[in-house]
């Protein structure tokens, strides 16, 4: 049974989410000790985190950064904040998705189920790596390596690179990438994809792989 950690300081919202998750046969863990979330995260080892931004003591950005130092577990931000900068900040901290309050429970569950299908389907590939031009994408570890240096990827970064490598020498449109990530482009802000592509490129550049992902104006992206 997949474990989902709910970090939401409004007990009513937390309870409603937990009840819905349990109906879907997930194990829902409602956090209440907002000073020791890192220890709870270590002990719980959740498969996914639902994270509010406005929290007591430290905000969701702080905790997302902490969790990212420990794991690549998918993180969905749930917040009443609606400015583009809030979404960009959430993605830059390592978030995989952003849902604005008030939200539909059906949409929330669609996103959660899509993430689980996506993440664990990729991890079940027979071949545990992809290689191209000296870069190795480790399917089993969500990381990349080049010339003996290894860098971890977030779930979104991994899936974007996986899709581009599986379709190398072919232009992959932004719509196709968004559909593959979130199963429906109706559930994704275009800015989120831009942020994830930029973050992935920075990690590739840190390995010495400049221009590994090329942009084709008005068409999409390609790895040659």
C-alpha atoms as a PDB file:
ATOM      1  CA  UNK A   1       0.000   0.000   0.000  1.00  0.00           C
ATOM      2  CA  UNK A   2       1.380   3.406  -0.993  1.00  0.00           C
ATOM      3  CA  UNK A   3       1.926   5.848   1.891  1.00  0.00           C
ATOM      4  CA  UNK A   4       1.024   9.510   1.422  1.00  0.00           C
ATOM      5  CA  UNK A   5       2.156  12.112   3.955  1.00  0.00           C
ATOM      6  CA  UNK A   6      -0.287  15.034   4.342  1.00  0.00           C
ATOM      7  CA  UNK A   7       1.345  18.210   5.668  1.00  0.00           C
ATOM      8  CA  UNK A   8      -1.569  20.608   6.116  1.00  0.00           C
ATOM      9  CA  UNK A   9      -2.181  22.706   9.239  1.00  0.00           C
ATOM     10  CA  UNK A  10      -5.937  23.028   8.669  1.00  0.00           C
ATOM     11  CA  UNK A  11      -7.238  19.857  10.390  1.00  0.00           C
ATOM     12  CA  UNK A  12     -10.503  19.908   8.430  1.00  0.00           C
ATOM     13  CA  UNK A  13      -8.751  19.967   5.045  1.00  0.00           C
ATOM     14  CA  UNK A  14      -6.235  17.363   6.211  1.00  0.00           C
ATOM     15  CA  UNK A  15      -9.025  15.074   7.394  1.00  0.00           C
ATOM     16  CA  UNK A  16     -11.006  15.392   4.158  1.00  0.00           C
ATOM     17  CA  UNK A  17      -7.923  14.566   2.079  1.00  0.00           C
ATOM     18  CA  UNK A  18      -7.060  11.626   4.332  1.00  0.00           C
ATOM     19  CA  UNK A  19     -10.577  10.182   4.091  1.00  0.00           C
ATOM     20  CA  UNK A  20     -10.483  10.437   0.307  1.00  0.00           C
ATOM     21  CA  UNK A  21      -7.060   8.787   0.111  1.00  0.00           C
ATOM     22  CA  UNK A  22      -8.215   5.894   2.270  1.00  0.00           C
ATOM     23  CA  UNK A  23     -11.204   5.349   0.007  1.00  0.00           C
ATOM     24  CA  UNK A  24      -8.684   4.930  -2.801  1.00  0.00           C
ATOM     25  CA  UNK A  25      -6.803   2.382  -0.673  1.00  0.00           C
ATOM     26  CA  UNK A  26      -3.823   4.618   0.094  1.00  0.00           C
ATOM     27  CA  UNK A  27      -2.297   4.860   3.556  1.00  0.00           C
ATOM     28  CA  UNK A  28      -2.818   8.459   4.679  1.00  0.00           C
ATOM     29  CA  UNK A  29      -0.458   9.920   7.277  1.00  0.00           C
ATOM     30  CA  UNK A  30      -1.659  13.241   8.727  1.00  0.00           C
ATOM     31  CA  UNK A  31       1.175  15.325  10.136  1.00  0.00           C
ATOM     32  CA  UNK A  32       0.492  17.362  13.265  1.00  0.00           C
ATOM     33  CA  UNK A  33       3.952  18.044  14.712  1.00  0.00           C
ATOM     34  CA  UNK A  34       5.136  20.826  12.412  1.00  0.00           C
ATOM     35  CA  UNK A  35       8.431  21.301  14.240  1.00  0.00           C
ATOM     36  CA  UNK A  36       9.712  17.785  13.564  1.00  0.00           C
ATOM     37  CA  UNK A  37       8.536  17.013  10.054  1.00  0.00           C
ATOM     38  CA  UNK A  38      11.981  15.910   8.913  1.00  0.00           C
ATOM     39  CA  UNK A  39      12.098  13.148  11.513  1.00  0.00           C
ATOM     40  CA  UNK A  40       8.552  12.081  10.668  1.00  0.00           C
ATOM     41  CA  UNK A  41       9.509  11.985   6.988  1.00  0.00           C
ATOM     42  CA  UNK A  42      12.534   9.796   7.789  1.00  0.00           C
ATOM     43  CA  UNK A  43      10.462   7.442   9.928  1.00  0.00           C
ATOM     44  CA  UNK A  44       7.473   7.274   7.599  1.00  0.00           C
ATOM     45  CA  UNK A  45       9.320   6.966   4.259  1.00  0.00           C
ATOM     46  CA  UNK A  46       6.251   8.105   2.271  1.00  0.00           C
ATOM     47  CA  UNK A  47       5.782   7.390  -1.417  1.00  0.00           C
ATOM     48  CA  UNK A  48       4.326  10.882  -1.972  1.00  0.00           C
ATOM     49  CA  UNK A  49       3.979  14.119   0.015  1.00  0.00           C
ATOM     50  CA  UNK A  50       1.111  16.611  -0.102  1.00  0.00           C
ATOM     51  CA  UNK A  51       2.586  19.864   1.181  1.00  0.00           C
ATOM     52  CA  UNK A  52       0.972  23.182   2.108  1.00  0.00           C
ATOM     53  CA  UNK A  53       3.075  26.352   1.834  1.00  0.00           C
ATOM     54  CA  UNK A  54       1.701  28.313   4.807  1.00  0.00           C
ATOM     55  CA  UNK A  55       2.675  26.231   7.831  1.00  0.00           C
ATOM     56  CA  UNK A  56       3.579  26.933  11.475  1.00  0.00           C
ATOM     57  CA  UNK A  57       7.273  27.337  12.337  1.00  0.00           C
ATOM     58  CA  UNK A  58       8.718  26.836   8.817  1.00  0.00           C
ATOM     59  CA  UNK A  59       6.912  27.143   5.483  1.00  0.00           C
ATOM     60  CA  UNK A  60       6.447  24.471   2.852  1.00  0.00           C
ATOM     61  CA  UNK A  61       9.368  25.726   0.758  1.00  0.00           C
ATOM     62  CA  UNK A  62      11.700  25.067   3.671  1.00  0.00           C
ATOM     63  CA  UNK A  63      10.400  21.536   4.192  1.00  0.00           C
ATOM     64  CA  UNK A  64      10.448  20.719   0.489  1.00  0.00           C
ATOM     65  CA  UNK A  65      14.118  21.662   0.380  1.00  0.00           C
ATOM     66  CA  UNK A  66      14.780  19.486   3.447  1.00  0.00           C
ATOM     67  CA  UNK A  67      12.966  16.503   1.955  1.00  0.00           C
ATOM     68  CA  UNK A  68      14.818  16.909  -1.339  1.00  0.00           C
ATOM     69  CA  UNK A  69      18.104  16.491   0.525  1.00  0.00           C
ATOM     70  CA  UNK A  70      16.862  13.098   1.691  1.00  0.00           C
ATOM     71  CA  UNK A  71      14.789  11.725  -1.172  1.00  0.00           C
ATOM     72  CA  UNK A  72      13.352  12.183  -4.666  1.00  0.00           C
ATOM     73  CA  UNK A  73       9.865  11.261  -3.451  1.00  0.00           C
ATOM     74  CA  UNK A  74       7.148  13.102  -5.460  1.00  0.00           C
ATOM     75  CA  UNK A  75       5.923  16.279  -3.752  1.00  0.00           C
ATOM     76  CA  UNK A  76       2.650  18.023  -4.630  1.00  0.00           C
ATOM     77  CA  UNK A  77       2.183  21.525  -3.244  1.00  0.00           C
ATOM     78  CA  UNK A  78      -1.377  22.390  -2.172  1.00  0.00           C
ATOM     79  CA  UNK A  79      -1.814  26.074  -1.420  1.00  0.00           C
ATOM     80  CA  UNK A  80      -4.173  29.038  -1.523  1.00  0.00           C
ATOM     81  CA  UNK A  81      -1.359  31.073  -3.071  1.00  0.00           C
ATOM     82  CA  UNK A  82      -1.964  31.695  -6.753  1.00  0.00           C
ATOM     83  CA  UNK A  83       0.789  33.978  -8.051  1.00  0.00           C
ATOM     84  CA  UNK A  84       3.051  32.618 -10.780  1.00  0.00           C
ATOM     85  CA  UNK A  85       6.043  33.283  -8.536  1.00  0.00           C
ATOM     86  CA  UNK A  86       4.591  30.958  -5.888  1.00  0.00           C
ATOM     87  CA  UNK A  87       4.330  28.173  -8.459  1.00  0.00           C
ATOM     88  CA  UNK A  88       7.813  28.855  -9.820  1.00  0.00           C
ATOM     89  CA  UNK A  89       9.232  28.893  -6.288  1.00  0.00           C
ATOM     90  CA  UNK A  90       7.544  25.580  -5.494  1.00  0.00           C
ATOM     91  CA  UNK A  91       8.998  23.969  -8.625  1.00  0.00           C
ATOM     92  CA  UNK A  92      12.453  25.427  -7.976  1.00  0.00           C
ATOM     93  CA  UNK A  93      12.439  23.965  -4.481  1.00  0.00           C
ATOM     94  CA  UNK A  94      11.863  20.527  -5.997  1.00  0.00           C
ATOM     95  CA  UNK A  95       8.082  20.226  -6.163  1.00  0.00           C
ATOM     96  CA  UNK A  96       6.530  18.013  -8.825  1.00  0.00           C
ATOM     97  CA  UNK A  97       3.136  19.686  -9.074  1.00  0.00           C
ATOM     98  CA  UNK A  98       1.061  22.545  -7.647  1.00  0.00           C
ATOM     99  CA  UNK A  99      -2.655  22.540  -6.832  1.00  0.00           C
ATOM    100  CA  UNK A 100      -4.393  25.765  -5.867  1.00  0.00           C
ATOM    101  CA  UNK A 101      -7.006  25.890  -3.098  1.00  0.00           C
ATOM    102  CA  UNK A 102      -9.915  25.464  -3.253  1.00  0.00           C
ATOM    103  CA  UNK A 103      -9.424  22.334  -5.316  1.00  0.00           C
ATOM    104  CA  UNK A 104     -11.464  19.420  -6.592  1.00  0.00           C
ATOM    105  CA  UNK A 105     -10.793  16.118  -4.844  1.00  0.00           C
ATOM    106  CA  UNK A 106     -11.277  14.409  -8.207  1.00  0.00           C
ATOM    107  CA  UNK A 107      -8.481  16.511  -9.702  1.00  0.00           C
ATOM    108  CA  UNK A 108      -6.259  15.818  -6.697  1.00  0.00           C
ATOM    109  CA  UNK A 109      -6.771  12.070  -7.009  1.00  0.00           C
ATOM    110  CA  UNK A 110      -6.233  12.181 -10.777  1.00  0.00           C
ATOM    111  CA  UNK A 111      -2.877  13.867 -10.229  1.00  0.00           C
ATOM    112  CA  UNK A 112      -1.863  11.475  -7.438  1.00  0.00           C
ATOM    113  CA  UNK A 113      -2.791   8.397  -9.461  1.00  0.00           C
ATOM    114  CA  UNK A 114      -1.022   9.769 -12.532  1.00  0.00           C
ATOM    115  CA  UNK A 115       2.167  10.321 -10.534  1.00  0.00           C
ATOM    116  CA  UNK A 116       2.100   6.803  -9.109  1.00  0.00           C
ATOM    117  CA  UNK A 117       1.477   5.223 -12.522  1.00  0.00           C
ATOM    118  CA  UNK A 118       4.230   7.348 -14.030  1.00  0.00           C
ATOM    119  CA  UNK A 119       6.886   6.923 -11.355  1.00  0.00           C
ATOM    120  CA  UNK A 120       6.550   3.244 -10.659  1.00  0.00           C
ATOM    121  CA  UNK A 121       5.976   2.252 -14.277  1.00  0.00           C
ATOM    122  CA  UNK A 122       9.315   3.807 -15.230  1.00  0.00           C
ATOM    123  CA  UNK A 123      11.036   2.109 -12.326  1.00  0.00           C
ATOM    124  CA  UNK A 124       9.819  -1.272 -13.562  1.00  0.00           C
ATOM    125  CA  UNK A 125      11.604  -1.012 -16.908  1.00  0.00           C
ATOM    126  CA  UNK A 126      13.602  -4.143 -17.747  1.00  0.00           C
ATOM    127  CA  UNK A 127      16.631  -2.055 -18.626  1.00  0.00           C
ATOM    128  CA  UNK A 128      17.762   0.011 -15.659  1.00  0.00           C
ATOM    129  CA  UNK A 129      19.592   2.703 -17.647  1.00  0.00           C
ATOM    130  CA  UNK A 130      19.622   4.672 -20.900  1.00  0.00           C
ATOM    131  CA  UNK A 131      22.856   5.899 -22.438  1.00  0.00           C
ATOM    132  CA  UNK A 132      23.545   8.571 -25.049  1.00  0.00           C
ATOM    133  CA  UNK A 133      26.725  10.495 -25.889  1.00  0.00           C
ATOM    134  CA  UNK A 134      28.345   9.333 -22.659  1.00  0.00           C
ATOM    135  CA  UNK A 135      25.414  10.375 -20.449  1.00  0.00           C
ATOM    136  CA  UNK A 136      23.800   7.596 -18.440  1.00  0.00           C
ATOM    137  CA  UNK A 137      20.248   7.972 -17.149  1.00  0.00           C
ATOM    138  CA  UNK A 138      19.805   5.582 -14.226  1.00  0.00           C
ATOM    139  CA  UNK A 139      16.177   4.438 -14.324  1.00  0.00           C
ATOM    140  CA  UNK A 140      16.462   2.666 -10.985  1.00  0.00           C
ATOM    141  CA  UNK A 141      17.911   5.664  -9.135  1.00  0.00           C
ATOM    142  CA  UNK A 142      16.405   8.731 -10.841  1.00  0.00           C
ATOM    143  CA  UNK A 143      19.855  10.126 -11.498  1.00  0.00           C
ATOM    144  CA  UNK A 144      22.275  10.913 -14.331  1.00  0.00           C
ATOM    145  CA  UNK A 145      26.009  10.367 -14.557  1.00  0.00           C
ATOM    146  CA  UNK A 146      28.721  11.548 -16.900  1.00  0.00           C
ATOM    147  CA  UNK A 147      32.456  10.907 -16.615  1.00  0.00           C
ATOM    148  CA  UNK A 148      32.121   9.418 -13.116  1.00  0.00           C
ATOM    149  CA  UNK A 149      30.062  12.323 -11.738  1.00  0.00           C
ATOM    150  CA  UNK A 150      26.481  11.538 -10.698  1.00  0.00           C
ATOM    151  CA  UNK A 151      23.634  14.015 -10.125  1.00  0.00           C
ATOM    152  CA  UNK A 152      20.166  13.292  -8.701  1.00  0.00           C
ATOM    153  CA  UNK A 153      17.058  14.329 -10.633  1.00  0.00           C
ATOM    154  CA  UNK A 154      13.586  15.198  -9.416  1.00  0.00           C
ATOM    155  CA  UNK A 155      10.750  13.027 -10.686  1.00  0.00           C
ATOM    156  CA  UNK A 156       9.768  15.579 -13.323  1.00  0.00           C
ATOM    157  CA  UNK A 157      13.336  16.129 -14.513  1.00  0.00           C
ATOM    158  CA  UNK A 158      13.830  12.384 -14.779  1.00  0.00           C
ATOM    159  CA  UNK A 159      10.668  11.838 -16.794  1.00  0.00           C
ATOM    160  CA  UNK A 160      11.383  14.717 -19.176  1.00  0.00           C
ATOM    161  CA  UNK A 161      14.871  13.411 -19.899  1.00  0.00           C
ATOM    162  CA  UNK A 162      13.590   9.838 -20.139  1.00  0.00           C
ATOM    163  CA  UNK A 163      11.009  10.861 -22.742  1.00  0.00           C
ATOM    164  CA  UNK A 164      13.529  12.858 -24.786  1.00  0.00           C
ATOM    165  CA  UNK A 165      16.105  10.050 -24.702  1.00  0.00           C
ATOM    166  CA  UNK A 166      13.534   7.430 -25.693  1.00  0.00           C
ATOM    167  CA  UNK A 167      12.680   9.669 -28.664  1.00  0.00           C
ATOM    168  CA  UNK A 168      16.185  10.962 -29.457  1.00  0.00           C
ATOM    169  CA  UNK A 169      16.665  12.385 -32.954  1.00  0.00           C
ATOM    170  CA  UNK A 170      12.946  13.265 -32.883  1.00  0.00           C
ATOM    171  CA  UNK A 171      11.366  16.578 -31.865  1.00  0.00           C
ATOM    172  CA  UNK A 172       9.084  16.150 -28.847  1.00  0.00           C
ATOM    173  CA  UNK A 173       6.507  18.917 -28.499  1.00  0.00           C
ATOM    174  CA  UNK A 174       5.808  20.739 -25.245  1.00  0.00           C
ATOM    175  CA  UNK A 175       2.247  19.416 -25.347  1.00  0.00           C
ATOM    176  CA  UNK A 176       3.516  15.835 -25.651  1.00  0.00           C
ATOM    177  CA  UNK A 177       5.846  16.329 -22.702  1.00  0.00           C
ATOM    178  CA  UNK A 178       3.102  17.846 -20.554  1.00  0.00           C
ATOM    179  CA  UNK A 179       0.719  15.060 -21.505  1.00  0.00           C
ATOM    180  CA  UNK A 180       3.311  12.436 -20.610  1.00  0.00           C
ATOM    181  CA  UNK A 181       4.039  14.114 -17.268  1.00  0.00           C
ATOM    182  CA  UNK A 182       0.556  14.920 -16.101  1.00  0.00           C
ATOM    183  CA  UNK A 183      -1.467  12.767 -18.525  1.00  0.00           C
ATOM    184  CA  UNK A 184      -3.514  15.811 -19.514  1.00  0.00           C
ATOM    185  CA  UNK A 185      -2.256  19.246 -20.463  1.00  0.00           C
ATOM    186  CA  UNK A 186      -5.403  20.666 -18.857  1.00  0.00           C
ATOM    187  CA  UNK A 187      -3.801  20.045 -15.442  1.00  0.00           C
ATOM    188  CA  UNK A 188      -0.507  21.863 -16.029  1.00  0.00           C
ATOM    189  CA  UNK A 189       0.667  25.431 -16.192  1.00  0.00           C
ATOM    190  CA  UNK A 190       3.043  26.086 -19.084  1.00  0.00           C
ATOM    191  CA  UNK A 191       5.404  27.921 -16.726  1.00  0.00           C
ATOM    192  CA  UNK A 192       5.925  24.723 -14.753  1.00  0.00           C
ATOM    193  CA  UNK A 193       7.354  22.892 -17.762  1.00  0.00           C
ATOM    194  CA  UNK A 194       9.640  25.824 -18.567  1.00  0.00           C
ATOM    195  CA  UNK A 195      11.009  25.788 -15.024  1.00  0.00           C
ATOM    196  CA  UNK A 196      11.621  22.028 -15.107  1.00  0.00           C
ATOM    197  CA  UNK A 197      13.384  22.172 -18.489  1.00  0.00           C
ATOM    198  CA  UNK A 198      15.614  25.020 -17.281  1.00  0.00           C
ATOM    199  CA  UNK A 199      16.464  23.174 -14.075  1.00  0.00           C
ATOM    200  CA  UNK A 200      17.295  19.987 -15.994  1.00  0.00           C
ATOM    201  CA  UNK A 201      19.526  21.911 -18.392  1.00  0.00           C
ATOM    202  CA  UNK A 202      21.442  23.449 -15.498  1.00  0.00           C
ATOM    203  CA  UNK A 203      22.186  20.012 -14.099  1.00  0.00           C
ATOM    204  CA  UNK A 204      23.363  18.795 -17.513  1.00  0.00           C
ATOM    205  CA  UNK A 205      25.574  21.870 -17.873  1.00  0.00           C
ATOM    206  CA  UNK A 206      27.092  21.188 -14.448  1.00  0.00           C
ATOM    207  CA  UNK A 207      28.207  17.841 -15.863  1.00  0.00           C
ATOM    208  CA  UNK A 208      29.740  19.583 -18.876  1.00  0.00           C
ATOM    209  CA  UNK A 209      26.907  18.758 -21.281  1.00  0.00           C
ATOM    210  CA  UNK A 210      26.001  22.114 -22.803  1.00  0.00           C
ATOM    211  CA  UNK A 211      23.216  22.186 -25.404  1.00  0.00           C
ATOM    212  CA  UNK A 212      22.406  18.528 -24.707  1.00  0.00           C
ATOM    213  CA  UNK A 213      18.714  19.403 -25.037  1.00  0.00           C
ATOM    214  CA  UNK A 214      18.044  21.631 -28.035  1.00  0.00           C
ATOM    215  CA  UNK A 215      15.033  23.904 -28.391  1.00  0.00           C
ATOM    216  CA  UNK A 216      13.211  23.915 -31.705  1.00  0.00           C
ATOM    217  CA  UNK A 217      11.271  27.155 -31.841  1.00  0.00           C
ATOM    218  CA  UNK A 218       7.506  26.635 -31.939  1.00  0.00           C
ATOM    219  CA  UNK A 219       8.087  22.868 -32.187  1.00  0.00           C
ATOM    220  CA  UNK A 220       9.527  21.513 -28.942  1.00  0.00           C
ATOM    221  CA  UNK A 221      12.750  19.879 -27.814  1.00  0.00           C
ATOM    222  CA  UNK A 222      15.181  17.336 -29.239  1.00  0.00           C
ATOM    223  CA  UNK A 223      18.268  15.373 -28.206  1.00  0.00           C
ATOM    224  CA  UNK A 224      20.518  14.660 -31.196  1.00  0.00           C
END
